[in-house]
PDB file of N, CA and C in Angstrom:
ATOM      1  N   MET A   1       0.803  -1.173   0.019  1.00  0.00           N
ATOM      2  CA  MET A   1       0.000  -0.048   0.059  1.00  0.00           C
ATOM      3  C   MET A   1       0.942   1.255  -0.017  1.00  0.00           C
ATOM      4  N   SER A   2       0.570   2.119  -0.876  1.00  0.00           N
ATOM      5  CA  SER A   2       1.359   3.343  -0.919  1.00  0.00           C
ATOM      6  C   SER A   2       0.585   4.443   0.016  1.00  0.00           C
ATOM      7  N   THR A   3       1.372   4.946   0.882  1.00  0.00           N
ATOM      8  CA  THR A   3       0.858   5.876   1.882  1.00  0.00           C
ATOM      9  C   THR A   3       0.851   7.300   1.280  1.00  0.00           C
ATOM     10  N   GLY A   4       1.655   7.605   0.350  1.00  0.00           N
ATOM     11  CA  GLY A   4       1.692   8.975  -0.115  1.00  0.00           C
ATOM     12  C   GLY A   4       2.553   9.807   0.738  1.00  0.00           C
ATOM     13  N   ILE A   5       3.230   9.332   1.715  1.00  0.00           N
ATOM     14  CA  ILE A   5       4.007  10.108   2.645  1.00  0.00           C
ATOM     15  C   ILE A   5       5.414  10.147   2.138  1.00  0.00           C
ATOM     16  N   LYS A   6       5.916  11.277   2.088  1.00  0.00           N
ATOM     17  CA  LYS A   6       7.396  11.449   1.666  1.00  0.00           C
ATOM     18  C   LYS A   6       8.175  11.901   2.928  1.00  0.00           C
ATOM     19  N   VAL A   7       9.167  11.092   3.306  1.00  0.00           N
ATOM     20  CA  VAL A   7       9.991  11.443   4.468  1.00  0.00           C
ATOM     21  C   VAL A   7      11.130  12.337   4.048  1.00  0.00           C
ATOM     22  N   PRO A   8      11.205  13.510   4.594  1.00  0.00           N
ATOM     23  CA  PRO A   8      12.232  14.461   4.260  1.00  0.00           C
ATOM     24  C   PRO A   8      13.599  14.110   4.758  1.00  0.00           C
ATOM     25  N   ARG A   9      14.675  14.642   4.346  1.00  0.00           N
ATOM     26  CA  ARG A   9      15.984  14.452   4.807  1.00  0.00           C
ATOM     27  C   ARG A   9      15.976  14.936   6.217  1.00  0.00           C
ATOM     28  N   LEU A  10      16.456  14.171   7.164  1.00  0.00           N
ATOM     29  CA  LEU A  10      16.518  14.453   8.621  1.00  0.00           C
ATOM     30  C   LEU A  10      17.851  14.776   9.102  1.00  0.00           C
ATOM     31  N   ASP A  11      18.114  15.977   9.563  1.00  0.00           N
ATOM     32  CA  ASP A  11      19.319  16.297  10.234  1.00  0.00           C
ATOM     33  C   ASP A  11      19.397  15.617  11.607  1.00  0.00           C
ATOM     34  N   LYS A  12      20.557  15.416  12.073  1.00  0.00           N
ATOM     35  CA  LYS A  12      20.705  14.706  13.455  1.00  0.00           C
ATOM     36  C   LYS A  12      19.937  15.519  14.513  1.00  0.00           C
ATOM     37  N   GLY A  13      19.192  14.756  15.318  1.00  0.00           N
ATOM     38  CA  GLY A  13      18.392  15.328  16.382  1.00  0.00           C
ATOM     39  C   GLY A  13      16.998  15.769  15.917  1.00  0.00           C
ATOM     40  N   LYS A  14      16.681  15.580  14.595  1.00  0.00           N
ATOM     41  CA  LYS A  14      15.407  16.072  14.117  1.00  0.00           C
ATOM     42  C   LYS A  14      14.532  14.772  13.750  1.00  0.00           C
ATOM     43  N   GLY A  15      13.235  15.045  13.659  1.00  0.00           N
ATOM     44  CA  GLY A  15      12.305  13.934  13.426  1.00  0.00           C
ATOM     45  C   GLY A  15      11.118  14.290  12.467  1.00  0.00           C
ATOM     46  N   PHE A  16      10.333  13.341  12.168  1.00  0.00           N
ATOM     47  CA  PHE A  16       9.148  13.551  11.342  1.00  0.00           C
ATOM     48  C   PHE A  16       8.103  12.671  11.886  1.00  0.00           C
ATOM     49  N   ARG A  17       6.876  13.198  11.935  1.00  0.00           N
ATOM     50  CA  ARG A  17       5.686  12.541  12.550  1.00  0.00           C
ATOM     51  C   ARG A  17       4.722  12.159  11.522  1.00  0.00           C
ATOM     52  N   GLY A  18       4.104  10.997  11.642  1.00  0.00           N
ATOM     53  CA  GLY A  18       3.056  10.481  10.769  1.00  0.00           C
ATOM     54  C   GLY A  18       1.684  10.826  11.199  1.00  0.00           C
ATOM     55  N   PRO A  19       0.685  10.073  10.677  1.00  0.00           N
ATOM     56  CA  PRO A  19      -0.716  10.373  11.043  1.00  0.00           C
ATOM     57  C   PRO A  19      -1.111   9.949  12.443  1.00  0.00           C
ATOM     58  N   ASP A  20      -1.844  10.797  13.160  1.00  0.00           N
ATOM     59  CA  ASP A  20      -2.384  10.408  14.508  1.00  0.00           C
ATOM     60  C   ASP A  20      -3.557   9.474  14.273  1.00  0.00           C
ATOM     61  N   ALA A  21      -4.093   8.892  15.387  1.00  0.00           N
ATOM     62  CA  ALA A  21      -5.235   8.066  15.363  1.00  0.00           C
ATOM     63  C   ALA A  21      -6.473   8.913  14.952  1.00  0.00           C
ATOM     64  N   TYR A  22      -7.468   8.275  14.493  1.00  0.00           N
ATOM     65  CA  TYR A  22      -8.709   8.944  14.052  1.00  0.00           C
ATOM     66  C   TYR A  22      -9.251   9.776  15.229  1.00  0.00           C
ATOM     67  N   ASN A  23      -9.581  11.013  14.879  1.00  0.00           N
ATOM     68  CA  ASN A  23     -10.230  12.011  15.925  1.00  0.00           C
ATOM     69  C   ASN A  23      -9.370  12.325  17.101  1.00  0.00           C
ATOM     70  N   CYS A  24      -8.093  12.109  16.951  1.00  0.00           N
ATOM     71  CA  CYS A  24      -7.066  12.436  18.006  1.00  0.00           C
ATOM     72  C   CYS A  24      -6.034  13.333  17.457  1.00  0.00           C
ATOM     73  N   PHE A  25      -5.399  14.102  18.337  1.00  0.00           N
ATOM     74  CA  PHE A  25      -4.331  14.915  17.870  1.00  0.00           C
ATOM     75  C   PHE A  25      -3.335  15.096  19.074  1.00  0.00           C
ATOM     76  N   ASN A  26      -2.097  15.190  18.747  1.00  0.00           N
ATOM     77  CA  ASN A  26      -0.986  15.324  19.682  1.00  0.00           C
ATOM     78  C   ASN A  26      -1.065  14.304  20.930  1.00  0.00           C
ATOM     79  N   THR A  27      -1.403  13.110  20.643  1.00  0.00           N
ATOM     80  CA  THR A  27      -1.440  12.104  21.694  1.00  0.00           C
ATOM     81  C   THR A  27      -0.055  11.492  22.019  1.00  0.00           C
ATOM     82  N   GLY A  28       0.894  11.763  21.061  1.00  0.00           N
ATOM     83  CA  GLY A  28       2.246  11.244  21.369  1.00  0.00           C
ATOM     84  C   GLY A  28       2.475   9.832  20.941  1.00  0.00           C
ATOM     85  N   LEU A  29       1.432   9.271  20.277  1.00  0.00           N
ATOM     86  CA  LEU A  29       1.472   7.838  19.871  1.00  0.00           C
ATOM     87  C   LEU A  29       1.491   7.709  18.358  1.00  0.00           C
ATOM     88  N   ALA A  30       1.538   8.804  17.671  1.00  0.00           N
ATOM     89  CA  ALA A  30       1.659   8.765  16.157  1.00  0.00           C
ATOM     90  C   ALA A  30       2.942   8.186  15.756  1.00  0.00           C
ATOM     91  N   PRO A  31       2.955   7.455  14.601  1.00  0.00           N
ATOM     92  CA  PRO A  31       4.249   6.895  14.125  1.00  0.00           C
ATOM     93  C   PRO A  31       5.180   8.075  13.940  1.00  0.00           C
ATOM     94  N   ALA A  32       6.508   7.876  14.251  1.00  0.00           N
ATOM     95  CA  ALA A  32       7.484   8.904  14.064  1.00  0.00           C
ATOM     96  C   ALA A  32       8.843   8.250  13.761  1.00  0.00           C
ATOM     97  N   ILE A  33       9.617   9.087  13.094  1.00  0.00           N
ATOM     98  CA  ILE A  33      11.049   8.649  12.755  1.00  0.00           C
ATOM     99  C   ILE A  33      11.931   9.769  13.136  1.00  0.00           C
ATOM    100  N   PHE A  34      12.958   9.445  13.849  1.00  0.00           N
ATOM    101  CA  PHE A  34      13.960  10.391  14.342  1.00  0.00           C
ATOM    102  C   PHE A  34      15.383  10.013  13.937  1.00  0.00           C
ATOM    103  N   HIS A  35      16.164  11.007  13.562  1.00  0.00           N
ATOM    104  CA  HIS A  35      17.614  10.766  13.313  1.00  0.00           C
ATOM    105  C   HIS A  35      18.360  11.210  14.530  1.00  0.00           C
ATOM    106  N   SER A  36      18.815  10.191  15.334  1.00  0.00           N
ATOM    107  CA  SER A  36      19.393  10.478  16.596  1.00  0.00           C
ATOM    108  C   SER A  36      20.758  11.136  16.408  1.00  0.00           C
ATOM    109  N   ARG A  37      21.279  11.745  17.437  1.00  0.00           N
ATOM    110  CA  ARG A  37      22.548  12.429  17.446  1.00  0.00           C
ATOM    111  C   ARG A  37      23.701  11.470  17.277  1.00  0.00           C
ATOM    112  N   THR A  38      23.348  10.176  17.521  1.00  0.00           N
ATOM    113  CA  THR A  38      24.452   9.174  17.405  1.00  0.00           C
ATOM    114  C   THR A  38      24.501   8.703  15.925  1.00  0.00           C
ATOM    115  N   GLY A  39      23.559   9.133  15.050  1.00  0.00           N
ATOM    116  CA  GLY A  39      23.664   8.720  13.776  1.00  0.00           C
ATOM    117  C   GLY A  39      22.603   7.610  13.343  1.00  0.00           C
ATOM    118  N   LYS A  40      22.041   6.961  14.372  1.00  0.00           N
ATOM    119  CA  LYS A  40      21.100   5.925  14.125  1.00  0.00           C
ATOM    120  C   LYS A  40      19.651   6.503  13.993  1.00  0.00           C
ATOM    121  N   TYR A  41      18.801   5.704  13.452  1.00  0.00           N
ATOM    122  CA  TYR A  41      17.402   6.168  13.254  1.00  0.00           C
ATOM    123  C   TYR A  41      16.503   5.397  14.224  1.00  0.00           C
ATOM    124  N   VAL A  42      15.560   6.124  14.860  1.00  0.00           N
ATOM    125  CA  VAL A  42      14.691   5.575  15.727  1.00  0.00           C
ATOM    126  C   VAL A  42      13.277   5.719  15.318  1.00  0.00           C
ATOM    127  N   VAL A  43      12.577   4.591  15.165  1.00  0.00           N
ATOM    128  CA  VAL A  43      11.224   4.533  14.618  1.00  0.00           C
ATOM    129  C   VAL A  43      10.225   3.916  15.575  1.00  0.00           C
ATOM    130  N   GLY A  44       9.016   4.492  15.704  1.00  0.00           N
ATOM    131  CA  GLY A  44       7.958   3.976  16.565  1.00  0.00           C
ATOM    132  C   GLY A  44       7.090   5.119  16.966  1.00  0.00           C
ATOM    133  N   PRO A  45       6.310   4.911  18.086  1.00  0.00           N
ATOM    134  CA  PRO A  45       5.437   5.962  18.605  1.00  0.00           C
ATOM    135  C   PRO A  45       6.305   7.206  19.010  1.00  0.00           C
ATOM    136  N   GLU A  46       5.724   8.379  18.881  1.00  0.00           N
ATOM    137  CA  GLU A  46       6.571   9.574  18.973  1.00  0.00           C
ATOM    138  C   GLU A  46       7.154   9.720  20.433  1.00  0.00           C
ATOM    139  N   ILE A  47       6.394   9.654  21.481  1.00  0.00           N
ATOM    140  CA  ILE A  47       6.988   9.918  22.790  1.00  0.00           C
ATOM    141  C   ILE A  47       7.979   8.747  23.188  1.00  0.00           C
ATOM    142  N   PRO A  48       7.648   7.505  22.917  1.00  0.00           N
ATOM    143  CA  PRO A  48       8.663   6.537  23.212  1.00  0.00           C
ATOM    144  C   PRO A  48       9.988   6.632  22.426  1.00  0.00           C
ATOM    145  N   CYS A  49       9.866   7.163  21.283  1.00  0.00           N
ATOM    146  CA  CYS A  49      11.056   7.397  20.506  1.00  0.00           C
ATOM    147  C   CYS A  49      11.892   8.541  21.096  1.00  0.00           C
ATOM    148  N   ARG A  50      11.266   9.553  21.601  1.00  0.00           N
ATOM    149  CA  ARG A  50      11.923  10.637  22.270  1.00  0.00           C
ATOM    150  C   ARG A  50      12.572  10.091  23.609  1.00  0.00           C
ATOM    151  N   ASP A  51      11.815   9.263  24.302  1.00  0.00           N
ATOM    152  CA  ASP A  51      12.380   8.651  25.559  1.00  0.00           C
ATOM    153  C   ASP A  51      13.549   7.742  25.232  1.00  0.00           C
ATOM    154  N   ALA A  52      13.495   6.967  24.194  1.00  0.00           N
ATOM    155  CA  ALA A  52      14.632   6.097  23.828  1.00  0.00           C
ATOM    156  C   ALA A  52      15.827   6.993  23.552  1.00  0.00           C
ATOM    157  N   MET A  53      15.693   8.081  22.791  1.00  0.00           N
ATOM    158  CA  MET A  53      16.807   8.918  22.512  1.00  0.00           C
ATOM    159  C   MET A  53      17.433   9.624  23.803  1.00  0.00           C
ATOM    160  N   ARG A  54      16.534   9.923  24.689  1.00  0.00           N
ATOM    161  CA  ARG A  54      17.051  10.589  26.010  1.00  0.00           C
ATOM    162  C   ARG A  54      17.674   9.477  26.875  1.00  0.00           C
ATOM    163  N   ALA A  55      17.264   8.221  26.752  1.00  0.00           N
ATOM    164  CA  ALA A  55      17.836   7.175  27.574  1.00  0.00           C
ATOM    165  C   ALA A  55      19.057   6.627  26.912  1.00  0.00           C
ATOM    166  N   PHE A  56      19.537   7.207  25.813  1.00  0.00           N
ATOM    167  CA  PHE A  56      20.741   6.770  25.078  1.00  0.00           C
ATOM    168  C   PHE A  56      20.587   5.328  24.658  1.00  0.00           C
ATOM    169  N   ALA A  57      19.405   4.867  24.293  1.00  0.00           N
ATOM    170  CA  ALA A  57      19.228   3.504  23.833  1.00  0.00           C
ATOM    171  C   ALA A  57      19.949   3.364  22.433  1.00  0.00           C
ATOM    172  N   CYS A  58      20.166   4.459  21.765  1.00  0.00           N
ATOM    173  CA  CYS A  58      20.845   4.449  20.459  1.00  0.00           C
ATOM    174  C   CYS A  58      22.351   4.031  20.676  1.00  0.00           C
ATOM    175  N   LEU A  59      22.875   4.086  21.830  1.00  0.00           N
ATOM    176  CA  LEU A  59      24.322   3.782  21.947  1.00  0.00           C
ATOM    177  C   LEU A  59      24.465   2.218  22.118  1.00  0.00           C
ATOM    178  N   ASP A  60      23.490   1.523  22.517  1.00  0.00           N
ATOM    179  CA  ASP A  60      23.526   0.067  22.664  1.00  0.00           C
ATOM    180  C   ASP A  60      23.460  -0.595  21.305  1.00  0.00           C
ATOM    181  N   SER A  61      23.742  -1.849  21.280  1.00  0.00           N
ATOM    182  CA  SER A  61      23.631  -2.632  20.055  1.00  0.00           C
ATOM    183  C   SER A  61      22.204  -3.210  19.810  1.00  0.00           C
ATOM    184  N   LYS A  62      21.325  -2.874  20.709  1.00  0.00           N
ATOM    185  CA  LYS A  62      19.942  -3.328  20.621  1.00  0.00           C
ATOM    186  C   LYS A  62      19.253  -2.907  19.362  1.00  0.00           C
ATOM    187  N   ARG A  63      18.313  -3.688  18.842  1.00  0.00           N
ATOM    188  CA  ARG A  63      17.488  -3.194  17.718  1.00  0.00           C
ATOM    189  C   ARG A  63      16.184  -2.716  18.126  1.00  0.00           C
ATOM    190  N   THR A  64      15.722  -3.022  19.277  1.00  0.00           N
ATOM    191  CA  THR A  64      14.474  -2.613  19.779  1.00  0.00           C
ATOM    192  C   THR A  64      14.598  -2.075  21.228  1.00  0.00           C
ATOM    193  N   TRP A  65      13.667  -1.235  21.669  1.00  0.00           N
ATOM    194  CA  TRP A  65      13.749  -0.645  22.939  1.00  0.00           C
ATOM    195  C   TRP A  65      12.283  -0.536  23.360  1.00  0.00           C
ATOM    196  N   GLY A  66      11.881  -0.801  24.602  1.00  0.00           N
ATOM    197  CA  GLY A  66      10.524  -0.737  25.130  1.00  0.00           C
ATOM    198  C   GLY A  66       9.876  -2.037  24.773  1.00  0.00           C
ATOM    199  N   GLU A  67       8.459  -2.008  25.119  1.00  0.00           N
ATOM    200  CA  GLU A  67       7.677  -3.225  24.929  1.00  0.00           C
ATOM    201  C   GLU A  67       6.275  -2.834  24.656  1.00  0.00           C
ATOM    202  N   GLY A  68       5.556  -3.836  24.117  1.00  0.00           N
ATOM    203  CA  GLY A  68       4.146  -3.636  23.780  1.00  0.00           C
ATOM    204  C   GLY A  68       3.877  -2.627  22.801  1.00  0.00           C
ATOM    205  N   ASN A  69       2.871  -1.782  22.941  1.00  0.00           N
ATOM    206  CA  ASN A  69       2.536  -0.798  21.920  1.00  0.00           C
ATOM    207  C   ASN A  69       3.506   0.367  21.979  1.00  0.00           C
ATOM    208  N   ARG A  70       4.432   0.380  22.919  1.00  0.00           N
ATOM    209  CA  ARG A  70       5.417   1.533  22.998  1.00  0.00           C
ATOM    210  C   ARG A  70       6.852   1.030  22.516  1.00  0.00           C
ATOM    211  N   LYS A  71       6.880  -0.048  21.694  1.00  0.00           N
ATOM    212  CA  LYS A  71       8.065  -0.540  21.195  1.00  0.00           C
ATOM    213  C   LYS A  71       8.775   0.386  20.150  1.00  0.00           C
ATOM    214  N   VAL A  72      10.014   0.531  20.221  1.00  0.00           N
ATOM    215  CA  VAL A  72      10.840   1.469  19.387  1.00  0.00           C
ATOM    216  C   VAL A  72      11.765   0.619  18.653  1.00  0.00           C
ATOM    217  N   TYR A  73      11.972   0.926  17.365  1.00  0.00           N
ATOM    218  CA  TYR A  73      12.887   0.149  16.536  1.00  0.00           C
ATOM    219  C   TYR A  73      14.093   1.076  16.233  1.00  0.00           C
ATOM    220  N   ILE A  74      15.338   0.500  16.396  1.00  0.00           N
ATOM    221  CA  ILE A  74      16.514   1.305  16.143  1.00  0.00           C
ATOM    222  C   ILE A  74      17.300   0.739  14.915  1.00  0.00           C
ATOM    223  N   PHE A  75      17.528   1.611  13.897  1.00  0.00           N
ATOM    224  CA  PHE A  75      18.235   1.182  12.669  1.00  0.00           C
ATOM    225  C   PHE A  75      19.509   2.037  12.472  1.00  0.00           C
ATOM    226  N   LYS A  76      20.439   1.326  11.863  1.00  0.00           N
ATOM    227  CA  LYS A  76      21.662   2.019  11.478  1.00  0.00           C
ATOM    228  C   LYS A  76      21.603   2.843  10.168  1.00  0.00           C
ATOM    229  N   GLY A  77      20.691   2.305   9.298  1.00  0.00           N
ATOM    230  CA  GLY A  77      20.583   3.034   7.962  1.00  0.00           C
ATOM    231  C   GLY A  77      19.207   3.613   7.772  1.00  0.00           C
ATOM    232  N   ARG A  78      19.086   4.589   6.947  1.00  0.00           N
ATOM    233  CA  ARG A  78      17.907   5.304   6.645  1.00  0.00           C
ATOM    234  C   ARG A  78      16.878   4.473   5.814  1.00  0.00           C
ATOM    235  N   ALA A  79      17.316   3.701   4.867  1.00  0.00           N
ATOM    236  CA  ALA A  79      16.422   2.894   4.057  1.00  0.00           C
ATOM    237  C   ALA A  79      15.424   2.005   4.867  1.00  0.00           C
ATOM    238  N   ALA A  80      16.013   1.203   5.700  1.00  0.00           N
ATOM    239  CA  ALA A  80      15.275   0.244   6.527  1.00  0.00           C
ATOM    240  C   ALA A  80      14.379   1.095   7.532  1.00  0.00           C
ATOM    241  N   ALA A  81      14.889   2.208   8.080  1.00  0.00           N
ATOM    242  CA  ALA A  81      14.138   2.981   9.013  1.00  0.00           C
ATOM    243  C   ALA A  81      12.886   3.645   8.296  1.00  0.00           C
ATOM    244  N   VAL A  82      13.115   4.163   7.077  1.00  0.00           N
ATOM    245  CA  VAL A  82      11.994   4.702   6.385  1.00  0.00           C
ATOM    246  C   VAL A  82      10.927   3.676   6.007  1.00  0.00           C
ATOM    247  N   SER A  83      11.419   2.465   5.640  1.00  0.00           N
ATOM    248  CA  SER A  83      10.511   1.443   5.253  1.00  0.00           C
ATOM    249  C   SER A  83       9.614   1.045   6.438  1.00  0.00           C
ATOM    250  N   LYS A  84      10.231   0.934   7.690  1.00  0.00           N
ATOM    251  CA  LYS A  84       9.400   0.607   8.929  1.00  0.00           C
ATOM    252  C   LYS A  84       8.497   1.692   9.199  1.00  0.00           C
ATOM    253  N   PHE A  85       8.929   2.872   9.093  1.00  0.00           N
ATOM    254  CA  PHE A  85       8.073   4.054   9.418  1.00  0.00           C
ATOM    255  C   PHE A  85       6.867   4.122   8.435  1.00  0.00           C
ATOM    256  N   LEU A  86       7.053   3.867   7.101  1.00  0.00           N
ATOM    257  CA  LEU A  86       5.981   3.816   6.176  1.00  0.00           C
ATOM    258  C   LEU A  86       5.034   2.689   6.455  1.00  0.00           C
ATOM    259  N   THR A  87       5.528   1.572   6.949  1.00  0.00           N
ATOM    260  CA  THR A  87       4.749   0.383   7.338  1.00  0.00           C
ATOM    261  C   THR A  87       3.775   0.821   8.493  1.00  0.00           C
ATOM    262  N   LEU A  88       4.360   1.435   9.553  1.00  0.00           N
ATOM    263  CA  LEU A  88       3.596   1.927  10.653  1.00  0.00           C
ATOM    264  C   LEU A  88       2.507   2.939  10.210  1.00  0.00           C
ATOM    265  N   CYS A  89       2.934   3.851   9.338  1.00  0.00           N
ATOM    266  CA  CYS A  89       1.998   4.801   8.872  1.00  0.00           C
ATOM    267  C   CYS A  89       0.841   4.184   8.096  1.00  0.00           C
ATOM    268  N   GLY A  90       1.187   3.183   7.273  1.00  0.00           N
ATOM    269  CA  GLY A  90       0.116   2.448   6.527  1.00  0.00           C
ATOM    270  C   GLY A  90      -0.891   1.812   7.384  1.00  0.00           C
ATOM    271  N   ALA A  91      -0.374   1.206   8.472  1.00  0.00           N
ATOM    272  CA  ALA A  91      -1.241   0.459   9.427  1.00  0.00           C
ATOM    273  C   ALA A  91      -2.152   1.482  10.121  1.00  0.00           C
ATOM    274  N   GLN A  92      -1.600   2.642  10.410  1.00  0.00           N
ATOM    275  CA  GLN A  92      -2.418   3.660  11.079  1.00  0.00           C
ATOM    276  C   GLN A  92      -3.472   4.237  10.151  1.00  0.00           C
ATOM    277  N   ILE A  93      -3.120   4.426   8.854  1.00  0.00           N
ATOM    278  CA  ILE A  93      -4.044   4.962   7.846  1.00  0.00           C
ATOM    279  C   ILE A  93      -5.254   3.955   7.654  1.00  0.00           C
ATOM    280  N   LEU A  94      -4.888   2.607   7.645  1.00  0.00           N
ATOM    281  CA  LEU A  94      -5.982   1.632   7.431  1.00  0.00           C
ATOM    282  C   LEU A  94      -6.899   1.579   8.674  1.00  0.00           C
ATOM    283  N   GLN A  95      -6.201   1.637   9.916  1.00  0.00           N
ATOM    284  CA  GLN A  95      -7.085   1.694  11.134  1.00  0.00           C
ATOM    285  C   GLN A  95      -8.028   2.966  11.126  1.00  0.00           C
ATOM    286  N   ASN A  96      -7.473   4.052  10.722  1.00  0.00           N
ATOM    287  CA  ASN A  96      -8.299   5.310  10.633  1.00  0.00           C
ATOM    288  C   ASN A  96      -9.484   5.178   9.690  1.00  0.00           C
ATOM    289  N   ALA A  97      -9.265   4.542   8.567  1.00  0.00           N
ATOM    290  CA  ALA A  97     -10.270   4.399   7.567  1.00  0.00           C
ATOM    291  C   ALA A  97     -11.358   3.421   8.180  1.00  0.00           C
ATOM    292  N   GLN A  98     -10.925   2.448   8.817  1.00  0.00           N
ATOM    293  CA  GLN A  98     -11.981   1.438   9.418  1.00  0.00           C
ATOM    294  C   GLN A  98     -12.787   2.227  10.562  1.00  0.00           C
ATOM    295  N   ILE A  99     -12.128   2.941  11.359  1.00  0.00           N
ATOM    296  CA  ILE A  99     -12.888   3.628  12.479  1.00  0.00           C
ATOM    297  C   ILE A  99     -13.709   4.668  11.827  1.00  0.00           C
ATOM    298  N   ARG A 100     -13.299   5.392  10.780  1.00  0.00           N
ATOM    299  CA  ARG A 100     -14.104   6.413  10.112  1.00  0.00           C
ATOM    300  C   ARG A 100     -15.343   5.813   9.551  1.00  0.00           C
ATOM    301  N   ALA A 101     -15.247   4.612   8.936  1.00  0.00           N
ATOM    302  CA  ALA A 101     -16.455   3.940   8.324  1.00  0.00           C
ATOM    303  C   ALA A 101     -17.397   3.569   9.474  1.00  0.00           C
ATOM    304  N   GLU A 102     -16.824   3.059  10.598  1.00  0.00           N
ATOM    305  CA  GLU A 102     -17.782   2.695  11.708  1.00  0.00           C
ATOM    306  C   GLU A 102     -18.425   3.943  12.250  1.00  0.00           C
ATOM    307  N   HIS A 103     -17.770   5.053  12.318  1.00  0.00           N
ATOM    308  CA  HIS A 103     -18.271   6.345  12.772  1.00  0.00           C
ATOM    309  C   HIS A 103     -19.406   6.857  11.902  1.00  0.00           C
ATOM    310  N   ILE A 104     -19.219   6.744  10.566  1.00  0.00           N
ATOM    311  CA  ILE A 104     -20.200   7.181   9.628  1.00  0.00           C
ATOM    312  C   ILE A 104     -21.448   6.325   9.770  1.00  0.00           C
ATOM    313  N   GLU A 105     -21.244   5.024   9.903  1.00  0.00           N
ATOM    314  CA  GLU A 105     -22.356   4.082  10.064  1.00  0.00           C
ATOM    315  C   GLU A 105     -23.128   4.333  11.352  1.00  0.00           C
ATOM    316  N   THR A 106     -22.409   4.518  12.410  1.00  0.00           N
ATOM    317  CA  THR A 106     -23.068   4.803  13.689  1.00  0.00           C
ATOM    318  C   THR A 106     -23.867   6.180  13.659  1.00  0.00           C
ATOM    319  N   ALA A 107     -23.260   7.137  13.032  1.00  0.00           N
ATOM    320  CA  ALA A 107     -23.948   8.393  12.891  1.00  0.00           C
ATOM    321  C   ALA A 107     -25.309   8.259  12.015  1.00  0.00           C
ATOM    322  N   ARG A 108     -25.180   7.436  11.042  1.00  0.00           N
ATOM    323  CA  ARG A 108     -26.429   7.145  10.133  1.00  0.00           C
ATOM    324  C   ARG A 108     -27.548   6.597  11.069  1.00  0.00           C
ATOM    325  N   LYS A 109     -27.088   5.548  11.852  1.00  0.00           N
ATOM    326  CA  LYS A 109     -28.072   4.857  12.650  1.00  0.00           C
ATOM    327  C   LYS A 109     -28.668   5.832  13.739  1.00  0.00           C
ATOM    328  N   ALA A 110     -27.870   6.734  14.287  1.00  0.00           N
ATOM    329  CA  ALA A 110     -28.290   7.689  15.308  1.00  0.00           C
ATOM    330  C   ALA A 110     -29.241   8.570  14.621  1.00  0.00           C
ATOM    331  N   ARG A 111     -29.107   9.071  13.409  1.00  0.00           N
ATOM    332  CA  ARG A 111     -30.026   9.919  12.737  1.00  0.00           C
ATOM    333  C   ARG A 111     -31.316   9.275  12.459  1.00  0.00           C
ATOM    334  N   GLY A 112     -31.274   7.887  12.395  1.00  0.00           N
ATOM    335  CA  GLY A 112     -32.472   7.079  12.152  1.00  0.00           C
ATOM    336  C   GLY A 112     -33.299   6.861  13.495  1.00  0.00           C
ATOM    337  N   GLY A 113     -32.762   7.285  14.675  1.00  0.00           N
ATOM    338  CA  GLY A 113     -33.500   7.107  15.896  1.00  0.00           C
ATOM    339  C   GLY A 113     -32.943   6.011  16.854  1.00  0.00           C
ATOM    340  N   ASP A 114     -31.917   5.277  16.426  1.00  0.00           N
ATOM    341  CA  ASP A 114     -31.307   4.326  17.281  1.00  0.00           C
ATOM    342  C   ASP A 114     -30.546   4.909  18.513  1.00  0.00           C
ATOM    343  N   MET A 115     -31.245   4.753  19.699  1.00  0.00           N
ATOM    344  CA  MET A 115     -30.629   5.393  20.939  1.00  0.00           C
ATOM    345  C   MET A 115     -29.233   4.703  21.258  1.00  0.00           C
ATOM    346  N   ALA A 116     -29.086   3.467  21.045  1.00  0.00           N
ATOM    347  CA  ALA A 116     -27.739   2.831  21.302  1.00  0.00           C
ATOM    348  C   ALA A 116     -26.725   3.479  20.386  1.00  0.00           C
ATOM    349  N   ALA A 117     -27.043   3.770  19.200  1.00  0.00           N
ATOM    350  CA  ALA A 117     -26.069   4.398  18.322  1.00  0.00           C
ATOM    351  C   ALA A 117     -25.779   5.875  18.777  1.00  0.00           C
ATOM    352  N   VAL A 118     -26.823   6.551  19.360  1.00  0.00           N
ATOM    353  CA  VAL A 118     -26.589   7.914  19.849  1.00  0.00           C
ATOM    354  C   VAL A 118     -25.609   7.889  20.946  1.00  0.00           C
ATOM    355  N   LEU A 119     -25.767   6.874  21.835  1.00  0.00           N
ATOM    356  CA  LEU A 119     -24.771   6.765  22.935  1.00  0.00           C
ATOM    357  C   LEU A 119     -23.400   6.320  22.457  1.00  0.00           C
ATOM    358  N   ALA A 120     -23.381   5.427  21.426  1.00  0.00           N
ATOM    359  CA  ALA A 120     -22.057   5.073  20.875  1.00  0.00           C
ATOM    360  C   ALA A 120     -21.309   6.143  20.252  1.00  0.00           C
ATOM    361  N   LEU A 121     -21.956   7.223  19.802  1.00  0.00           N
ATOM    362  CA  LEU A 121     -21.279   8.305  19.136  1.00  0.00           C
ATOM    363  C   LEU A 121     -20.308   9.038  20.067  1.00  0.00           C
ATOM    364  N   GLY A 122     -20.545   8.799  21.364  1.00  0.00           N
ATOM    365  CA  GLY A 122     -19.575   9.475  22.300  1.00  0.00           C
ATOM    366  C   GLY A 122     -18.189   8.768  22.287  1.00  0.00           C
ATOM    367  N   ASP A 123     -18.139   7.630  21.701  1.00  0.00           N
ATOM    368  CA  ASP A 123     -16.829   6.855  21.662  1.00  0.00           C
ATOM    369  C   ASP A 123     -15.900   7.501  20.518  1.00  0.00           C
ATOM    370  N   TYR A 124     -16.443   8.333  19.640  1.00  0.00           N
ATOM    371  CA  TYR A 124     -15.655   8.882  18.516  1.00  0.00           C
ATOM    372  C   TYR A 124     -15.344  10.199  18.897  1.00  0.00           C
TER     373      TYR A 124
END
């Protein structure tokens, strides 16, 4: 799947953030890619990436840092890092499309008088 996202050249210490979750903004869990000051690339959710760079995880020979949905991937080269970042962005875009479709369907039911759908609209 082509995400249409173009990752710019990143100076050391700089990063680039992908799409947030549907109907959310600045949650800190959007996919992000950073070029650490050590020269390695850090890819994963935005805040855990920043935490990994502050914890000097880029100095270790580890390839991952953190666990669960806060897992961060550390790469030596840009190509692999950009590929992983675009994969994470693609997954987020697909999830957003699915939630958007559910939201539209729930709103349609709510307009039709379904009280359960009216209450469910609060979830979006």
